[in-house]
Protein backbone atom coordinates (compact mmCIF):
# COMPACT_ATOMS: atom_id res chain seq x y z
CA MET A 1 40.62 34.09 63.65
CA SER A 2 42.72 30.83 64.30
CA SER A 3 45.58 29.03 63.28
CA CYS A 4 47.35 25.89 63.70
CA ASN A 5 50.55 25.80 65.67
CA LEU A 6 52.21 28.14 63.20
CA SER A 7 55.78 27.59 61.59
CA GLY A 8 58.09 30.59 60.92
CA ILE A 9 56.48 31.03 57.58
CA GLY A 10 52.98 30.93 59.22
CA ARG A 11 53.93 33.56 61.66
CA ILE A 12 55.06 35.66 58.68
CA ILE A 13 51.76 35.19 56.72
CA ASN A 14 49.81 35.83 60.17
CA ALA A 15 51.56 39.09 60.46
CA GLU A 16 50.90 40.24 56.82
CA ILE A 17 47.15 39.23 57.17
CA ILE A 18 46.68 41.15 60.37
CA GLY A 19 48.37 44.22 58.41
CA LEU A 20 46.38 44.08 55.25
CA PRO A 21 43.82 46.74 56.48
CA THR A 22 46.80 49.12 57.35
CA ARG A 23 48.21 48.46 53.78
CA TYR A 24 44.76 48.67 51.98
CA PRO A 25 42.60 50.99 54.53
CA ASN A 26 39.24 50.04 52.74
CA THR A 27 39.83 46.25 53.54
CA THR A 28 38.27 44.45 56.50
CA ILE A 29 39.58 40.90 57.75
CA ASN A 30 36.46 39.27 58.78
CA ASN A 31 37.76 35.95 59.73
CA TYR A 32 40.84 33.83 58.53
CA VAL A 33 42.80 30.64 59.39
CA ILE A 34 46.35 29.58 58.56
CA MET A 35 46.53 25.90 57.81
CA PRO A 36 49.65 23.78 57.34
CA ASN A 37 49.45 24.03 53.64
CA HIS A 38 46.77 26.60 52.69
CA VAL A 39 45.07 29.80 53.96
CA HIS A 40 41.46 30.75 54.19
CA LEU A 41 40.72 34.59 54.28
CA LEU A 42 37.35 36.22 54.56
CA LEU A 43 38.06 39.73 53.45
CA SER A 44 35.79 42.77 52.74
CA ILE A 45 36.60 45.40 50.37
CA ASP A 46 34.72 48.86 50.46
CA ARG A 47 33.78 50.01 47.09
CA ILE A 48 35.45 53.27 47.00
CA HIS A 49 37.29 55.13 44.10
CA ASN A 50 40.59 53.33 43.39
CA ALA A 51 39.80 50.58 45.47
CA PRO A 52 42.30 47.50 45.07
CA ILE A 53 40.89 44.34 43.39
CA ILE A 54 41.50 41.22 45.16
CA GLY A 55 44.30 40.04 42.83
CA GLN A 56 46.27 43.10 43.92
CA ILE A 57 45.72 42.21 47.46
CA VAL A 58 46.62 38.39 46.99
CA GLY A 59 49.56 39.24 44.85
CA THR A 60 50.86 41.62 47.38
CA LEU A 61 50.40 39.25 50.46
CA LYS A 62 52.11 36.23 48.36
CA SER A 63 55.09 38.51 47.22
CA ILE A 64 55.93 40.05 50.67
CA THR A 65 55.53 36.82 52.56
CA THR A 66 57.53 34.92 50.34
CA LYS A 67 60.26 37.58 50.30
CA LYS A 68 60.38 37.55 54.14
CA ALA A 69 60.20 33.76 54.31
CA ASN A 70 63.01 33.49 52.12
CA GLN A 71 65.11 36.02 53.94
CA GLN A 72 64.42 34.36 57.27
CA ASP A 73 65.29 30.92 55.86
CA ASN A 74 68.12 32.19 53.82
CA THR A 75 66.51 30.41 50.76
CA PRO A 76 66.48 32.81 47.73
CA GLY A 77 64.12 32.03 44.97
CA ARG A 78 62.00 29.34 46.82
CA LYS A 79 58.26 29.44 46.13
CA ILE A 80 56.05 29.15 49.21
CA TRP A 81 52.55 29.79 47.15
CA GLN A 82 51.01 27.87 44.31
CA PHE A 83 50.53 30.10 41.30
CA ARG A 84 46.71 30.67 41.55
CA TYR A 85 44.07 31.18 44.17
CA HIS A 86 40.48 30.64 44.48
CA ASP A 87 38.34 33.68 45.19
CA ARG A 88 34.60 33.87 45.68
CA ILE A 89 32.13 37.02 45.94
CA ILE A 90 29.85 36.42 48.91
CA ARG A 91 26.41 38.06 47.93
CA ASP A 92 24.12 37.91 51.10
CA ASP A 93 24.51 37.42 54.98
CA HIS A 94 23.54 33.71 54.74
CA GLU A 95 26.41 32.86 52.50
CA PHE A 96 28.77 35.06 54.80
CA GLN A 97 27.87 33.23 57.83
CA PHE A 98 28.30 29.89 56.13
CA ILE A 99 31.93 30.87 54.82
CA TRP A 100 32.59 32.48 58.22
CA GLN A 101 31.78 29.10 59.94
CA TYR A 102 33.65 27.13 57.35
CA ILE A 103 36.76 29.03 58.04
CA ALA A 104 36.42 28.95 61.71
CA ASN A 105 35.76 25.05 61.73
CA ASN A 106 38.34 24.32 58.96
CA ILE A 107 41.05 23.65 61.49
CA VAL A 108 38.86 21.15 63.37
CA THR A 109 38.47 19.01 60.26
CA TRP A 110 42.33 19.20 59.32
CA GLU A 111 42.96 15.67 60.25
CA THR A 112 40.39 14.55 57.61
CA ASP A 113 41.94 16.58 54.79
CA THR A 114 43.52 14.41 52.03
CA TYR A 115 46.81 16.36 52.61
CA TYR A 116 47.04 15.73 56.39
CA ILE A 117 50.20 14.14 57.74
CA GLN A 118 50.23 13.17 61.37
CA PRO A 119 52.71 15.21 63.02
CA ASN A 120 55.09 12.47 64.53
CA THR A 121 55.52 11.13 60.88
CA LEU A 122 57.13 14.41 59.70
CA LYS A 123 60.95 14.15 58.95
CA GLN A 124 62.93 16.52 60.95
CA PRO A 125 65.67 18.56 59.00
């Protein structure tokens, strides 16, 4: 589990991801990375009665992190997440390992991402 140098919002997201298994005891965080403009999360959900659906977990994560970030930065009403998210069901060990490696290596390939901005070109507030 890795992350870029985290901003204040990134630290909030990190804490909430780490806390997901406490909030949802039938979940396991297998791997994740917090990138400057997106998050990858490899999550396992045990199939038990009343297990949360992925939409509930993602919605809670987005809601709590948005509220905390807006409190921290005194920016009520600001949106920090895009409306949708992409999910994928992993069906076998080979696919699980592929996705795990993709997440682990995502930070290494950040500089080739179309949304990458060199740190020295960022405008300071």
